[in-house]
Amino acid sequence: MDNEQLVRKWQAKIVNDCEAILGRPLDHIESTFICSRGGFMALEMIEDTVTSLAGRPAELHAYLTTDPIE
């Protein structure tokens, strides 16, 4: 598996985790926050933060909308 495929799968997992916590599909800004990052360290940090915010959807939404890259 090449890195690009691994990154896309990792991003998709994070998106799915976020949608489960939020109880809805991500909006454009939220998904862009995740999918605009492709580095392993960045994705690991995002995944750890998302996991730590399980059960706290308002805080997760705030996190996902802090630094959008458009």
N, C-alpha and C. Protein backbone atom coordinates (compact mmCIF):
# COMPACT_ATOMS: atom_id res chain seq x y z
N MET A 1 0.86 -1.17 0.00
CA MET A 1 0.00 0.00 0.00
C MET A 1 0.91 1.24 0.00
N ASP A 2 0.66 2.15 -0.92
CA ASP A 2 1.46 3.36 -0.93
C ASP A 2 0.94 4.36 0.11
N ASN A 3 1.73 5.38 0.38
CA ASN A 3 1.38 6.33 1.43
C ASN A 3 0.09 7.08 1.13
N GLU A 4 -0.16 7.43 -0.12
CA GLU A 4 -1.37 8.18 -0.45
C GLU A 4 -2.62 7.38 -0.10
N GLN A 5 -2.61 6.10 -0.42
CA GLN A 5 -3.76 5.25 -0.11
C GLN A 5 -3.93 5.12 1.41
N LEU A 6 -2.84 4.97 2.11
CA LEU A 6 -2.88 4.88 3.57
C LEU A 6 -3.44 6.17 4.18
N VAL A 7 -2.98 7.31 3.69
CA VAL A 7 -3.45 8.60 4.19
C VAL A 7 -4.95 8.75 3.95
N ARG A 8 -5.43 8.40 2.75
CA ARG A 8 -6.86 8.52 2.44
C ARG A 8 -7.71 7.64 3.36
N LYS A 9 -7.24 6.43 3.62
CA LYS A 9 -7.98 5.53 4.52
C LYS A 9 -7.99 6.08 5.95
N TRP A 10 -6.87 6.64 6.37
CA TRP A 10 -6.76 7.20 7.71
C TRP A 10 -7.68 8.40 7.85
N GLN A 11 -7.69 9.27 6.84
CA GLN A 11 -8.59 10.43 6.85
C GLN A 11 -10.04 9.97 6.91
N ALA A 12 -10.39 8.95 6.12
CA ALA A 12 -11.76 8.45 6.11
C ALA A 12 -12.16 7.90 7.48
N LYS A 13 -11.24 7.22 8.15
CA LYS A 13 -11.53 6.71 9.49
C LYS A 13 -11.79 7.85 10.46
N ILE A 14 -10.97 8.89 10.38
CA ILE A 14 -11.15 10.04 11.27
C ILE A 14 -12.49 10.72 10.99
N VAL A 15 -12.83 10.88 9.71
CA VAL A 15 -14.13 11.47 9.34
C VAL A 15 -15.26 10.62 9.92
N ASN A 16 -15.17 9.32 9.77
CA ASN A 16 -16.22 8.42 10.31
C ASN A 16 -16.33 8.55 11.83
N ASP A 17 -15.20 8.62 12.51
CA ASP A 17 -15.22 8.78 13.96
C ASP A 17 -15.88 10.10 14.35
N CYS A 18 -15.55 11.17 13.63
CA CYS A 18 -16.15 12.48 13.91
C CYS A 18 -17.66 12.45 13.68
N GLU A 19 -18.07 11.85 12.59
CA GLU A 19 -19.51 11.78 12.29
C GLU A 19 -20.26 10.99 13.35
N ALA A 20 -19.63 9.95 13.88
CA ALA A 20 -20.26 9.17 14.94
C ALA A 20 -20.41 10.01 16.22
N ILE A 21 -19.40 10.78 16.54
CA ILE A 21 -19.45 11.61 17.74
C ILE A 21 -20.47 12.74 17.56
N LEU A 22 -20.46 13.37 16.39
CA LEU A 22 -21.35 14.50 16.13
C LEU A 22 -22.79 14.06 15.84
N GLY A 23 -22.95 12.83 15.37
CA GLY A 23 -24.28 12.32 15.02
C GLY A 23 -24.82 12.90 13.72
N ARG A 24 -23.90 13.32 12.85
CA ARG A 24 -24.30 13.90 11.57
C ARG A 24 -23.09 13.89 10.63
N PRO A 25 -23.35 14.08 9.32
CA PRO A 25 -22.21 14.20 8.39
C PRO A 25 -21.43 15.49 8.67
N LEU A 26 -20.14 15.46 8.39
CA LEU A 26 -19.33 16.66 8.54
C LEU A 26 -19.68 17.68 7.47
N ASP A 27 -19.59 18.95 7.82
CA ASP A 27 -19.78 19.99 6.80
C ASP A 27 -18.44 20.21 6.09
N HIS A 28 -18.44 21.10 5.11
CA HIS A 28 -17.26 21.32 4.28
C HIS A 28 -16.05 21.76 5.10
N ILE A 29 -16.24 22.70 6.00
CA ILE A 29 -15.12 23.19 6.79
C ILE A 29 -14.54 22.09 7.68
N GLU A 30 -15.40 21.32 8.30
CA GLU A 30 -14.95 20.24 9.18
C GLU A 30 -14.18 19.18 8.41
N SER A 31 -14.71 18.75 7.28
CA SER A 31 -14.02 17.72 6.50
C SER A 31 -12.73 18.25 5.89
N THR A 32 -12.71 19.53 5.52
CA THR A 32 -11.49 20.13 4.98
C THR A 32 -10.39 20.16 6.02
N PHE A 33 -10.76 20.42 7.27
CA PHE A 33 -9.78 20.42 8.36
C PHE A 33 -9.03 19.09 8.39
N ILE A 34 -9.74 18.00 8.22
CA ILE A 34 -9.12 16.67 8.27
C ILE A 34 -8.42 16.33 6.96
N CYS A 35 -9.13 16.49 5.85
CA CYS A 35 -8.63 15.99 4.57
C CYS A 35 -7.55 16.86 3.94
N SER A 36 -7.32 18.05 4.49
CA SER A 36 -6.24 18.89 3.97
C SER A 36 -4.90 18.54 4.61
N ARG A 37 -4.94 17.69 5.61
CA ARG A 37 -3.70 17.25 6.26
C ARG A 37 -3.35 15.86 5.77
N GLY A 38 -2.08 15.69 5.39
CA GLY A 38 -1.66 14.41 4.86
C GLY A 38 -0.45 13.83 5.55
N GLY A 39 0.11 14.58 6.48
CA GLY A 39 1.27 14.07 7.20
C GLY A 39 0.87 13.12 8.31
N PHE A 40 1.69 12.12 8.55
CA PHE A 40 1.38 11.12 9.55
C PHE A 40 1.26 11.74 10.94
N MET A 41 2.15 12.65 11.28
CA MET A 41 2.10 13.26 12.61
C MET A 41 0.83 14.09 12.78
N ALA A 42 0.47 14.84 11.74
CA ALA A 42 -0.75 15.65 11.82
C ALA A 42 -1.98 14.77 11.99
N LEU A 43 -2.06 13.70 11.21
CA LEU A 43 -3.22 12.82 11.31
C LEU A 43 -3.26 12.10 12.65
N GLU A 44 -2.11 11.74 13.17
CA GLU A 44 -2.07 11.10 14.49
C GLU A 44 -2.57 12.07 15.56
N MET A 45 -2.16 13.32 15.48
CA MET A 45 -2.61 14.32 16.46
C MET A 45 -4.11 14.56 16.34
N ILE A 46 -4.62 14.65 15.11
CA ILE A 46 -6.06 14.85 14.91
C ILE A 46 -6.82 13.65 15.46
N GLU A 47 -6.37 12.45 15.13
CA GLU A 47 -7.05 11.24 15.59
C GLU A 47 -7.06 11.18 17.12
N ASP A 48 -5.94 11.49 17.75
CA ASP A 48 -5.88 11.47 19.21
C ASP A 48 -6.85 12.49 19.82
N THR A 49 -6.91 13.67 19.22
CA THR A 49 -7.80 14.70 19.73
C THR A 49 -9.26 14.29 19.56
N VAL A 50 -9.60 13.76 18.40
CA VAL A 50 -10.97 13.32 18.14
C VAL A 50 -11.36 12.24 19.15
N THR A 51 -10.48 11.30 19.38
CA THR A 51 -10.75 10.23 20.34
C THR A 51 -10.97 10.80 21.74
N SER A 52 -10.18 11.80 22.10
CA SER A 52 -10.31 12.38 23.44
C SER A 52 -11.59 13.20 23.59
N LEU A 53 -12.19 13.60 22.47
CA LEU A 53 -13.42 14.40 22.52
C LEU A 53 -14.69 13.57 22.33
N ALA A 54 -14.56 12.25 22.37
CA ALA A 54 -15.73 11.38 22.28
C ALA A 54 -16.71 11.76 23.39
N GLY A 55 -17.98 11.92 23.01
CA GLY A 55 -19.00 12.29 23.97
C GLY A 55 -19.09 13.79 24.22
N ARG A 56 -18.28 14.56 23.51
CA ARG A 56 -18.28 16.03 23.67
C ARG A 56 -18.39 16.69 22.28
N PRO A 57 -19.55 16.54 21.63
CA PRO A 57 -19.70 17.01 20.25
C PRO A 57 -19.48 18.50 20.06
N ALA A 58 -19.88 19.32 21.01
CA ALA A 58 -19.68 20.77 20.86
C ALA A 58 -18.19 21.11 20.82
N GLU A 59 -17.41 20.46 21.67
CA GLU A 59 -15.97 20.69 21.67
C GLU A 59 -15.32 20.16 20.41
N LEU A 60 -15.79 19.02 19.91
CA LEU A 60 -15.25 18.47 18.66
C LEU A 60 -15.54 19.43 17.51
N HIS A 61 -16.76 19.93 17.44
CA HIS A 61 -17.09 20.89 16.37
C HIS A 61 -16.18 22.11 16.45
N ALA A 62 -15.97 22.63 17.64
CA ALA A 62 -15.09 23.79 17.81
C ALA A 62 -13.68 23.47 17.34
N TYR A 63 -13.18 22.29 17.66
CA TYR A 63 -11.84 21.88 17.24
C TYR A 63 -11.75 21.80 15.71
N LEU A 64 -12.75 21.19 15.09
CA LEU A 64 -12.72 20.99 13.64
C LEU A 64 -12.87 22.28 12.85
N THR A 65 -13.31 23.34 13.49
CA THR A 65 -13.53 24.60 12.78
C THR A 65 -12.54 25.68 13.23
N THR A 66 -11.46 25.29 13.89
CA THR A 66 -10.49 26.27 14.39
C THR A 66 -9.56 26.80 13.33
N ASP A 67 -9.18 25.99 12.37
CA ASP A 67 -8.14 26.39 11.43
C ASP A 67 -8.43 25.84 10.03
N PRO A 68 -9.53 26.23 9.41
CA PRO A 68 -9.83 25.67 8.09
C PRO A 68 -8.84 26.13 7.03
N ILE A 69 -8.48 25.24 6.16
CA ILE A 69 -7.65 25.56 4.99
C ILE A 69 -8.59 25.49 3.79
N GLU A 70 -8.73 26.57 3.11
CA GLU A 70 -9.67 26.60 1.98
C GLU A 70 -8.94 26.73 0.68
